[in-house]
Amino acid sequence: MGRSSGSLAVAMTTLVASVLILQLLLAPTPVSSSPAVLVPLLRTAVIRASPLLRNLVKAFLKEQATQGVMQLIWKAAGHLKNQLLGGVGADAAGLVVFDISIGTSPAQVISGVMDITSQLVWAQCAPCDACRTPVFRSAESASFSKIPCGSLTCPRVLGDGTACAGDADCTYNATYYGAGNQSNAYMVGSFATETFTFGATSVPGIVFGCVSSTTVQLSGGASALFGFGRGNISLVSQLGLSRFSYTLASDDADGSESVIRLGDAAVPQTQRSRSTPLLRSVMQPDLYYVGLSSIQVDGHDLDGIPAGTFDLQADGSGGVLLSSTWPATYLEETAYTALRRTLVSSIETQGVTPVDAQDVHQLCYRRWSFSGVRVPALTLVFDGVNATMEVKPENYFFKDGLEVCLTILPSKGGSVLGSLLQTGTNMIFDIGGGLLTFETPTP
């Protein structure tokens, strides 16, 4: 597989424009101090969603190998005025898209991205400049209502100090910062309330951003984003849910689909579940962090990883962040180096060497030479009793064209467990109880 091509460039144009959603448009809002006592507006729902778009993963892995993931998170962590971390989820390679009905008389079906790192719900609305179709036709909905500046809701979503006032629409104009040579993208719209329907249950008054102009383009047919973070105006918070789960599927198998469960439906499906505490960062309290104790290869802890490498620091830095949408997994550089060294050594004993042994940011093999390799077993050990996650080889080695590449990349300042590593594992988020329960596939 060539390192660059016209098709790759086109894929990356879409990808990076979508990754730009990382810089969301809102200032942080307070988190409810007692999410467990919320009155749920939706008791239970099971949603069938698209599988991961593996055809675009290659672009992400090739282009992001030298990108510092924590640089983006640092930008989004309040160091840019009126910005909030929000949609790593819109990156094209890892997104999971599902349909939802919005509006009344009649309801309209809109496809959107599920993103556990986003605190916002938004949809592209007609008329819309440069938007993807189908867009939400708000003028045709009897329940659509724009939020005025003078309402209590507007300062809640825009943050303190907004110049918005009176009966004018509660609008936003956001710039998303590109990577590399990519130019910045923008999104313009206004906040509104609308009825969202899940199966037979309709929930009125959901606050969302109604986008009227944007250069941000999502892939997978999506024209909306549904935030599943812990912030006040994420979809799960507005629905009053204390639990949700997802099982991400890959599109490399016929009939595969991802499954999202909400409320009472978000429970273990097997007897193999294990749990670890959900942690909070003071820098980004609305994101989901976990404690990673160690990494094992073939049942042995990796050597060379200093104690505390994965710890979430008192100032909110570091830690291990969960993403439902970033395909690659990022490990602190010392941990990545130890993992890469161990994998290379084990595979080399089988007579197979990397394509470029000097490329410390990436690990790829020729596919023809890799076909008979026994891939070392990878296990993530989390805080908790027997909280181990056995990862399937196809989740951390990605086959594409003539190469097989490791889906784990180095970073500085923190780590991210991406969507490819989670594929096939049922991830259950107990927000009220502060617990992540996971069920790995059968061996």
Foldseek 3Di string as FASTA:
>chain_A
DDLDDPVLVVLVLQQQLQLLCQWPQADAFDFDPFLVPFDFLDAKFKFWKAFFPQVSVVSCCSVCLPPFPVVSVVVQLCPDPRTHGAPNAQRARQWIKTWWWWAPPNTDIAIATEKQRHQAKAFEEPPAAPAFPPGHDQVNGPQKFFDAQDDPVLCNGRPPPDPGDDRHGSKTKDWGCGPDPDHIKIWIFGKIWIWIDGVPRIDTGQIHTHTRYIPNYGPPRHRIYAHNWRGCRGPCNVSSFQKKKKAHAHPPDPPDIIMIMTHPRQDDPDPQKDKFFWDAFPSRRRFTFFAWQAKDWLRHGFPQQDPPQQPQDNNRWAGETEISHSLFKEGALRRLQSVVVVQQVQQVVVVFHFPDPPPSSWGKGFPVVCVPTDGIWMWTHTPDDVPIETFDPCLQWPDDDGMIIGRYGYHHTYIYDYNSRRHQKMWMRRNSVRMIMIGHDDD
